[in-house]
Amino acid sequence: LNNGYDLVSWVSDINKGFASMQDIFILSLFIG
């Protein structure tokens, strides 16, 4: 609504956010 953010950017940013947690995601599984 305010900054011209679009759906494509949103999907891309969600994917980037998921990718940023890759290391701790894997480590948590391994520790368990």
PDB file of all heavy atoms in Angstrom:
ATOM      1  N   LEU A   1       0.814  -1.214   0.000  1.00  0.00           N
ATOM      2  CA  LEU A   1       0.000   0.000   0.000  1.00  0.00           C
ATOM      3  C   LEU A   1       0.851   1.269   0.000  1.00  0.00           C
ATOM      4  O   LEU A   1       0.487   2.265  -0.632  1.00  0.00           O
ATOM      5  CB  LEU A   1      -0.925   0.007   1.221  1.00  0.00           C
ATOM      6  CG  LEU A   1      -2.047  -1.040   1.221  1.00  0.00           C
ATOM      7  CD1 LEU A   1      -2.779  -1.018   2.556  1.00  0.00           C
ATOM      8  CD2 LEU A   1      -3.019  -0.784   0.069  1.00  0.00           C
ATOM      9  N   ASN A   2       1.972   1.237   0.698  1.00  0.00           N
ATOM     10  CA  ASN A   2       2.759   2.465   0.894  1.00  0.00           C
ATOM     11  C   ASN A   2       4.008   2.576   0.028  1.00  0.00           C
ATOM     12  O   ASN A   2       4.407   3.680  -0.339  1.00  0.00           O
ATOM     13  CB  ASN A   2       3.200   2.567   2.362  1.00  0.00           C
ATOM     14  CG  ASN A   2       2.042   2.835   3.295  1.00  0.00           C
ATOM     15  OD1 ASN A   2       0.953   3.210   2.853  1.00  0.00           O
ATOM     16  ND2 ASN A   2       2.262   2.661   4.591  1.00  0.00           N
ATOM     17  N   ASN A   3       4.642   1.437  -0.282  1.00  0.00           N
ATOM     18  CA  ASN A   3       5.968   1.492  -0.918  1.00  0.00           C
ATOM     19  C   ASN A   3       6.058   0.790  -2.257  1.00  0.00           C
ATOM     20  O   ASN A   3       7.158   0.564  -2.768  1.00  0.00           O
ATOM     21  CB  ASN A   3       7.018   0.878   0.035  1.00  0.00           C
ATOM     22  CG  ASN A   3       7.021   1.543   1.399  1.00  0.00           C
ATOM     23  OD1 ASN A   3       6.846   2.762   1.493  1.00  0.00           O
ATOM     24  ND2 ASN A   3       7.207   0.753   2.449  1.00  0.00           N
ATOM     25  N   GLY A   4       4.932   0.417  -2.841  1.00  0.00           N
ATOM     26  CA  GLY A   4       4.980  -0.238  -4.145  1.00  0.00           C
ATOM     27  C   GLY A   4       5.518  -1.659  -4.096  1.00  0.00           C
ATOM     28  O   GLY A   4       5.990  -2.187  -5.109  1.00  0.00           O
ATOM     29  N   TYR A   5       5.473  -2.267  -2.946  1.00  0.00           N
ATOM     30  CA  TYR A   5       5.925  -3.658  -2.792  1.00  0.00           C
ATOM     31  C   TYR A   5       4.978  -4.557  -3.576  1.00  0.00           C
ATOM     32  O   TYR A   5       3.757  -4.351  -3.565  1.00  0.00           O
ATOM     33  CB  TYR A   5       5.892  -4.010  -1.308  1.00  0.00           C
ATOM     34  CG  TYR A   5       6.639  -5.255  -0.889  1.00  0.00           C
ATOM     35  CD1 TYR A   5       8.005  -5.380  -1.090  1.00  0.00           C
ATOM     36  CD2 TYR A   5       5.960  -6.299  -0.255  1.00  0.00           C
ATOM     37  CE1 TYR A   5       8.686  -6.506  -0.678  1.00  0.00           C
ATOM     38  CE2 TYR A   5       6.631  -7.427   0.169  1.00  0.00           C
ATOM     39  CZ  TYR A   5       7.995  -7.539  -0.050  1.00  0.00           C
ATOM     40  OH  TYR A   5       8.661  -8.658   0.365  1.00  0.00           O
ATOM     41  N   ASP A   6       5.520  -5.571  -4.280  1.00  0.00           N
ATOM     42  CA  ASP A   6       4.653  -6.417  -5.101  1.00  0.00           C
ATOM     43  C   ASP A   6       4.734  -7.877  -4.690  1.00  0.00           C
ATOM     44  O   ASP A   6       5.567  -8.277  -3.873  1.00  0.00           O
ATOM     45  CB  ASP A   6       4.989  -6.269  -6.591  1.00  0.00           C
ATOM     46  CG  ASP A   6       6.456  -6.575  -6.892  1.00  0.00           C
ATOM     47  OD1 ASP A   6       6.980  -7.591  -6.381  1.00  0.00           O
ATOM     48  OD2 ASP A   6       7.081  -5.801  -7.643  1.00  0.00           O
ATOM     49  N   LEU A   7       3.846  -8.670  -5.254  1.00  0.00           N
ATOM     50  CA  LEU A   7       3.715 -10.078  -4.890  1.00  0.00           C
ATOM     51  C   LEU A   7       4.973 -10.869  -5.207  1.00  0.00           C
ATOM     52  O   LEU A   7       5.388 -11.739  -4.421  1.00  0.00           O
ATOM     53  CB  LEU A   7       2.510 -10.685  -5.621  1.00  0.00           C
ATOM     54  CG  LEU A   7       2.168 -12.139  -5.278  1.00  0.00           C
ATOM     55  CD1 LEU A   7       1.833 -12.290  -3.801  1.00  0.00           C
ATOM     56  CD2 LEU A   7       1.009 -12.627  -6.158  1.00  0.00           C
ATOM     57  N   VAL A   8       5.587 -10.582  -6.340  1.00  0.00           N
ATOM     58  CA  VAL A   8       6.808 -11.305  -6.728  1.00  0.00           C
ATOM     59  C   VAL A   8       7.925 -11.059  -5.709  1.00  0.00           C
ATOM     60  O   VAL A   8       8.625 -11.995  -5.301  1.00  0.00           O
ATOM     61  CB  VAL A   8       7.256 -10.883  -8.140  1.00  0.00           C
ATOM     62  CG1 VAL A   8       8.604 -11.512  -8.485  1.00  0.00           C
ATOM     63  CG2 VAL A   8       6.215 -11.288  -9.178  1.00  0.00           C
ATOM     64  N   SER A   9       8.072  -9.816  -5.292  1.00  0.00           N
ATOM     65  CA  SER A   9       9.097  -9.483  -4.300  1.00  0.00           C
ATOM     66  C   SER A   9       8.803 -10.159  -2.964  1.00  0.00           C
ATOM     67  O   SER A   9       9.716 -10.613  -2.264  1.00  0.00           O
ATOM     68  CB  SER A   9       9.169  -7.968  -4.106  1.00  0.00           C
ATOM     69  OG  SER A   9       9.516  -7.315  -5.301  1.00  0.00           O
ATOM     70  N   TRP A  10       7.532 -10.227  -2.620  1.00  0.00           N
ATOM     71  CA  TRP A  10       7.133 -10.856  -1.353  1.00  0.00           C
ATOM     72  C   TRP A  10       7.525 -12.326  -1.329  1.00  0.00           C
ATOM     73  O   TRP A  10       8.140 -12.806  -0.371  1.00  0.00           O
ATOM     74  CB  TRP A  10       5.626 -10.693  -1.173  1.00  0.00           C
ATOM     75  CG  TRP A  10       5.106 -11.203   0.147  1.00  0.00           C
ATOM     76  CD1 TRP A  10       5.735 -11.140   1.359  1.00  0.00           C
ATOM     77  CD2 TRP A  10       3.845 -11.833   0.388  1.00  0.00           C
ATOM     78  NE1 TRP A  10       4.954 -11.692   2.347  1.00  0.00           N
ATOM     79  CE2 TRP A  10       3.774 -12.124   1.770  1.00  0.00           C
ATOM     80  CE3 TRP A  10       2.752 -12.159  -0.429  1.00  0.00           C
ATOM     81  CZ2 TRP A  10       2.673 -12.738   2.350  1.00  0.00           C
ATOM     82  CZ3 TRP A  10       1.646 -12.757   0.161  1.00  0.00           C
ATOM     83  CH2 TRP A  10       1.616 -13.049   1.525  1.00  0.00           C
ATOM     84  N   VAL A  11       7.185 -13.030  -2.396  1.00  0.00           N
ATOM     85  CA  VAL A  11       7.530 -14.460  -2.475  1.00  0.00           C
ATOM     86  C   VAL A  11       9.045 -14.637  -2.430  1.00  0.00           C
ATOM     87  O   VAL A  11       9.560 -15.526  -1.733  1.00  0.00           O
ATOM     88  CB  VAL A  11       6.948 -15.086  -3.761  1.00  0.00           C
ATOM     89  CG1 VAL A  11       7.464 -16.514  -3.942  1.00  0.00           C
ATOM     90  CG2 VAL A  11       5.421 -15.064  -3.718  1.00  0.00           C
ATOM     91  N   SER A  12       9.757 -13.782  -3.148  1.00  0.00           N
ATOM     92  CA  SER A  12      11.217 -13.870  -3.164  1.00  0.00           C
ATOM     93  C   SER A  12      11.806 -13.607  -1.781  1.00  0.00           C
ATOM     94  O   SER A  12      12.743 -14.298  -1.350  1.00  0.00           O
ATOM     95  CB  SER A  12      11.775 -12.863  -4.174  1.00  0.00           C
ATOM     96  OG  SER A  12      13.201 -12.864  -4.156  1.00  0.00           O
ATOM     97  N   ASP A  13      11.260 -12.624  -1.068  1.00  0.00           N
ATOM     98  CA  ASP A  13      11.787 -12.301   0.260  1.00  0.00           C
ATOM     99  C   ASP A  13      11.494 -13.407   1.274  1.00  0.00           C
ATOM    100  O   ASP A  13      12.303 -13.675   2.161  1.00  0.00           O
ATOM    101  CB  ASP A  13      11.191 -10.971   0.738  1.00  0.00           C
ATOM    102  CG  ASP A  13      11.787  -9.781   0.015  1.00  0.00           C
ATOM    103  OD1 ASP A  13      12.930  -9.896  -0.446  1.00  0.00           O
ATOM    104  OD2 ASP A  13      11.105  -8.737  -0.087  1.00  0.00           O
ATOM    105  N   ILE A  14      10.327 -14.023   1.154  1.00  0.00           N
ATOM    106  CA  ILE A  14      10.028 -15.152   2.045  1.00  0.00           C
ATOM    107  C   ILE A  14      11.034 -16.266   1.829  1.00  0.00           C
ATOM    108  O   ILE A  14      11.556 -16.868   2.785  1.00  0.00           O
ATOM    109  CB  ILE A  14       8.589 -15.667   1.805  1.00  0.00           C
ATOM    110  CG1 ILE A  14       7.571 -14.644   2.306  1.00  0.00           C
ATOM    111  CG2 ILE A  14       8.371 -17.017   2.505  1.00  0.00           C
ATOM    112  CD1 ILE A  14       6.127 -15.021   2.018  1.00  0.00           C
ATOM    113  N   ASN A  15      11.340 -16.534   0.571  1.00  0.00           N
ATOM    114  CA  ASN A  15      12.324 -17.573   0.256  1.00  0.00           C
ATOM    115  C   ASN A  15      13.708 -17.215   0.796  1.00  0.00           C
ATOM    116  O   ASN A  15      14.431 -18.074   1.326  1.00  0.00           O
ATOM    117  CB  ASN A  15      12.383 -17.798  -1.254  1.00  0.00           C
ATOM    118  CG  ASN A  15      13.249 -18.982  -1.629  1.00  0.00           C
ATOM    119  OD1 ASN A  15      13.042 -20.094  -1.147  1.00  0.00           O
ATOM    120  ND2 ASN A  15      14.230 -18.761  -2.490  1.00  0.00           N
ATOM    121  N   LYS A  16      14.071 -15.935   0.676  1.00  0.00           N
ATOM    122  CA  LYS A  16      15.353 -15.482   1.223  1.00  0.00           C
ATOM    123  C   LYS A  16      15.389 -15.644   2.748  1.00  0.00           C
ATOM    124  O   LYS A  16      16.418 -16.012   3.321  1.00  0.00           O
ATOM    125  CB  LYS A  16      15.596 -14.009   0.862  1.00  0.00           C
ATOM    126  CG  LYS A  16      15.882 -13.761  -0.608  1.00  0.00           C
ATOM    127  CD  LYS A  16      16.046 -12.262  -0.873  1.00  0.00           C
ATOM    128  CE  LYS A  16      16.250 -11.984  -2.356  1.00  0.00           C
ATOM    129  NZ  LYS A  16      16.336 -10.506  -2.622  1.00  0.00           N
ATOM    130  N   GLY A  17      14.258 -15.346   3.382  1.00  0.00           N
ATOM    131  CA  GLY A  17      14.182 -15.507   4.835  1.00  0.00           C
ATOM    132  C   GLY A  17      14.346 -16.951   5.258  1.00  0.00           C
ATOM    133  O   GLY A  17      15.040 -17.252   6.233  1.00  0.00           O
ATOM    134  N   PHE A  18      13.691 -17.854   4.520  1.00  0.00           N
ATOM    135  CA  PHE A  18      13.859 -19.281   4.802  1.00  0.00           C
ATOM    136  C   PHE A  18      15.322 -19.685   4.648  1.00  0.00           C
ATOM    137  O   PHE A  18      15.884 -20.401   5.483  1.00  0.00           O
ATOM    138  CB  PHE A  18      12.999 -20.120   3.849  1.00  0.00           C
ATOM    139  CG  PHE A  18      11.529 -20.081   4.145  1.00  0.00           C
ATOM    140  CD1 PHE A  18      10.620 -20.615   3.247  1.00  0.00           C
ATOM    141  CD2 PHE A  18      11.033 -19.522   5.315  1.00  0.00           C
ATOM    142  CE1 PHE A  18       9.252 -20.598   3.508  1.00  0.00           C
ATOM    143  CE2 PHE A  18       9.672 -19.489   5.596  1.00  0.00           C
ATOM    144  CZ  PHE A  18       8.782 -20.025   4.680  1.00  0.00           C
ATOM    145  N   ALA A  19      15.946 -19.238   3.557  1.00  0.00           N
ATOM    146  CA  ALA A  19      17.336 -19.615   3.277  1.00  0.00           C
ATOM    147  C   ALA A  19      18.286 -19.101   4.351  1.00  0.00           C
ATOM    148  O   ALA A  19      19.291 -19.756   4.662  1.00  0.00           O
ATOM    149  CB  ALA A  19      17.755 -19.076   1.901  1.00  0.00           C
ATOM    150  N   SER A  20      17.975 -17.938   4.947  1.00  0.00           N
ATOM    151  CA  SER A  20      18.864 -17.375   5.972  1.00  0.00           C
ATOM    152  C   SER A  20      18.915 -18.230   7.226  1.00  0.00           C
ATOM    153  O   SER A  20      19.827 -18.091   8.044  1.00  0.00           O
ATOM    154  CB  SER A  20      18.404 -15.953   6.326  1.00  0.00           C
ATOM    155  OG  SER A  20      17.162 -15.971   7.024  1.00  0.00           O
ATOM    156  N   MET A  21      17.938 -19.102   7.407  1.00  0.00           N
ATOM    157  CA  MET A  21      17.880 -19.958   8.589  1.00  0.00           C
ATOM    158  C   MET A  21      18.348 -21.389   8.306  1.00  0.00           C
ATOM    159  O   MET A  21      18.167 -22.278   9.133  1.00  0.00           O
ATOM    160  CB  MET A  21      16.441 -19.999   9.121  1.00  0.00           C
ATOM    161  CG  MET A  21      15.942 -18.660   9.623  1.00  0.00           C
ATOM    162  SD  MET A  21      16.880 -18.130  11.087  1.00  0.00           S
ATOM    163  CE  MET A  21      16.331 -16.428  11.254  1.00  0.00           C
ATOM    164  N   GLN A  22      18.962 -21.599   7.168  1.00  0.00           N
ATOM    165  CA  GLN A  22      19.348 -22.953   6.766  1.00  0.00           C
ATOM    166  C   GLN A  22      20.279 -23.621   7.767  1.00  0.00           C
ATOM    167  O   GLN A  22      20.075 -24.772   8.167  1.00  0.00           O
ATOM    168  CB  GLN A  22      20.006 -22.919   5.394  1.00  0.00           C
ATOM    169  CG  GLN A  22      20.582 -24.260   4.949  1.00  0.00           C
ATOM    170  CD  GLN A  22      21.249 -24.170   3.586  1.00  0.00           C
ATOM    171  OE1 GLN A  22      20.650 -23.690   2.635  1.00  0.00           O
ATOM    172  NE2 GLN A  22      22.486 -24.641   3.511  1.00  0.00           N
ATOM    173  N   ASP A  23      21.320 -22.907   8.188  1.00  0.00           N
ATOM    174  CA  ASP A  23      22.323 -23.503   9.072  1.00  0.00           C
ATOM    175  C   ASP A  23      21.729 -23.932  10.406  1.00  0.00           C
ATOM    176  O   ASP A  23      21.975 -25.045  10.882  1.00  0.00           O
ATOM    177  CB  ASP A  23      23.489 -22.534   9.298  1.00  0.00           C
ATOM    178  CG  ASP A  23      24.419 -22.472   8.106  1.00  0.00           C
ATOM    179  OD1 ASP A  23      24.330 -23.376   7.252  1.00  0.00           O
ATOM    180  OD2 ASP A  23      25.222 -21.529   8.021  1.00  0.00           O
ATOM    181  N   ILE A  24      20.969 -23.039  11.044  1.00  0.00           N
ATOM    182  CA  ILE A  24      20.434 -23.408  12.358  1.00  0.00           C
ATOM    183  C   ILE A  24      19.307 -24.434  12.232  1.00  0.00           C
ATOM    184  O   ILE A  24      19.091 -25.234  13.141  1.00  0.00           O
ATOM    185  CB  ILE A  24      19.955 -22.177  13.153  1.00  0.00           C
ATOM    186  CG1 ILE A  24      18.816 -21.451  12.446  1.00  0.00           C
ATOM    187  CG2 ILE A  24      21.091 -21.227  13.410  1.00  0.00           C
ATOM    188  CD1 ILE A  24      18.176 -20.378  13.292  1.00  0.00           C
ATOM    189  N   PHE A  25      18.621 -24.445  11.105  1.00  0.00           N
ATOM    190  CA  PHE A  25      17.607 -25.468  10.849  1.00  0.00           C
ATOM    191  C   PHE A  25      18.262 -26.846  10.827  1.00  0.00           C
ATOM    192  O   PHE A  25      17.814 -27.783  11.508  1.00  0.00           O
ATOM    193  CB  PHE A  25      16.917 -25.170   9.511  1.00  0.00           C
ATOM    194  CG  PHE A  25      15.756 -26.071   9.196  1.00  0.00           C
ATOM    195  CD1 PHE A  25      14.462 -25.640   9.430  1.00  0.00           C
ATOM    196  CD2 PHE A  25      15.949 -27.326   8.639  1.00  0.00           C
ATOM    197  CE1 PHE A  25      13.373 -26.459   9.131  1.00  0.00           C
ATOM    198  CE2 PHE A  25      14.880 -28.155   8.348  1.00  0.00           C
ATOM    199  CZ  PHE A  25      13.583 -27.720   8.587  1.00  0.00           C
ATOM    200  N   ILE A  26      19.328 -26.970  10.052  1.00  0.00           N
ATOM    201  CA  ILE A  26      20.036 -28.247   9.941  1.00  0.00           C
ATOM    202  C   ILE A  26      20.652 -28.643  11.275  1.00  0.00           C
ATOM    203  O   ILE A  26      20.557 -29.803  11.702  1.00  0.00           O
ATOM    204  CB  ILE A  26      21.119 -28.159   8.845  1.00  0.00           C
ATOM    205  CG1 ILE A  26      20.467 -27.974   7.468  1.00  0.00           C
ATOM    206  CG2 ILE A  26      21.991 -29.409   8.847  1.00  0.00           C
ATOM    207  CD1 ILE A  26      21.452 -27.691   6.359  1.00  0.00           C
ATOM    208  N   LEU A  27      21.283 -27.681  11.949  1.00  0.00           N
ATOM    209  CA  LEU A  27      21.932 -27.989  13.227  1.00  0.00           C
ATOM    210  C   LEU A  27      20.916 -28.469  14.257  1.00  0.00           C
ATOM    211  O   LEU A  27      21.191 -29.415  15.015  1.00  0.00           O
ATOM    212  CB  LEU A  27      22.665 -26.752  13.752  1.00  0.00           C
ATOM    213  CG  LEU A  27      23.365 -26.924  15.104  1.00  0.00           C
ATOM    214  CD1 LEU A  27      24.418 -28.028  15.037  1.00  0.00           C
ATOM    215  CD2 LEU A  27      24.004 -25.607  15.552  1.00  0.00           C
ATOM    216  N   SER A  28      19.751 -27.859  14.300  1.00  0.00           N
ATOM    217  CA  SER A  28      18.729 -28.274  15.261  1.00  0.00           C
ATOM    218  C   SER A  28      18.279 -29.711  15.009  1.00  0.00           C
ATOM    219  O   SER A  28      18.107 -30.502  15.947  1.00  0.00           O
ATOM    220  CB  SER A  28      17.524 -27.330  15.192  1.00  0.00           C
ATOM    221  OG  SER A  28      17.875 -26.038  15.607  1.00  0.00           O
ATOM    222  N   LEU A  29      18.094 -30.064  13.756  1.00  0.00           N
ATOM    223  CA  LEU A  29      17.749 -31.440  13.413  1.00  0.00           C
ATOM    224  C   LEU A  29      18.847 -32.403  13.851  1.00  0.00           C
ATOM    225  O   LEU A  29      18.574 -33.463  14.441  1.00  0.00           O
ATOM    226  CB  LEU A  29      17.515 -31.573  11.905  1.00  0.00           C
ATOM    227  CG  LEU A  29      16.302 -30.855  11.309  1.00  0.00           C
ATOM    228  CD1 LEU A  29      16.276 -31.049   9.797  1.00  0.00           C
ATOM    229  CD2 LEU A  29      15.011 -31.373  11.910  1.00  0.00           C
ATOM    230  N   PHE A  30      20.098 -32.037  13.584  1.00  0.00           N
ATOM    231  CA  PHE A  30      21.228 -32.907  13.928  1.00  0.00           C
ATOM    232  C   PHE A  30      21.375 -33.063  15.438  1.00  0.00           C
ATOM    233  O   PHE A  30      21.664 -34.151  15.934  1.00  0.00           O
ATOM    234  CB  PHE A  30      22.511 -32.351  13.321  1.00  0.00           C
ATOM    235  CG  PHE A  30      22.659 -32.595  11.835  1.00  0.00           C
ATOM    236  CD1 PHE A  30      23.725 -32.078  11.125  1.00  0.00           C
ATOM    237  CD2 PHE A  30      21.719 -33.351  11.152  1.00  0.00           C
ATOM    238  CE1 PHE A  30      23.866 -32.321   9.766  1.00  0.00           C
ATOM    239  CE2 PHE A  30      21.840 -33.585   9.790  1.00  0.00           C
ATOM    240  CZ  PHE A  30      22.917 -33.070   9.091  1.00  0.00           C
ATOM    241  N   ILE A  31      21.180 -31.975  16.175  1.00  0.00           N
ATOM    242  CA  ILE A  31      21.285 -32.053  17.638  1.00  0.00           C
ATOM    243  C   ILE A  31      20.180 -32.950  18.206  1.00  0.00           C
ATOM    244  O   ILE A  31      20.415 -33.754  19.113  1.00  0.00           O
ATOM    245  CB  ILE A  31      21.205 -30.645  18.261  1.00  0.00           C
ATOM    246  CG1 ILE A  31      22.512 -29.895  18.023  1.00  0.00           C
ATOM    247  CG2 ILE A  31      20.936 -30.728  19.771  1.00  0.00           C
ATOM    248  CD1 ILE A  31      22.514 -28.481  18.543  1.00  0.00           C
ATOM    249  N   GLY A  32      18.978 -32.824  17.664  1.00  0.00           N
ATOM    250  CA  GLY A  32      17.886 -33.686  18.105  1.00  0.00           C
ATOM    251  C   GLY A  32      18.191 -35.152  17.860  1.00  0.00           C
ATOM    252  O   GLY A  32      17.960 -36.008  18.728  1.00  0.00           O
TER     253      GLY A  32
END
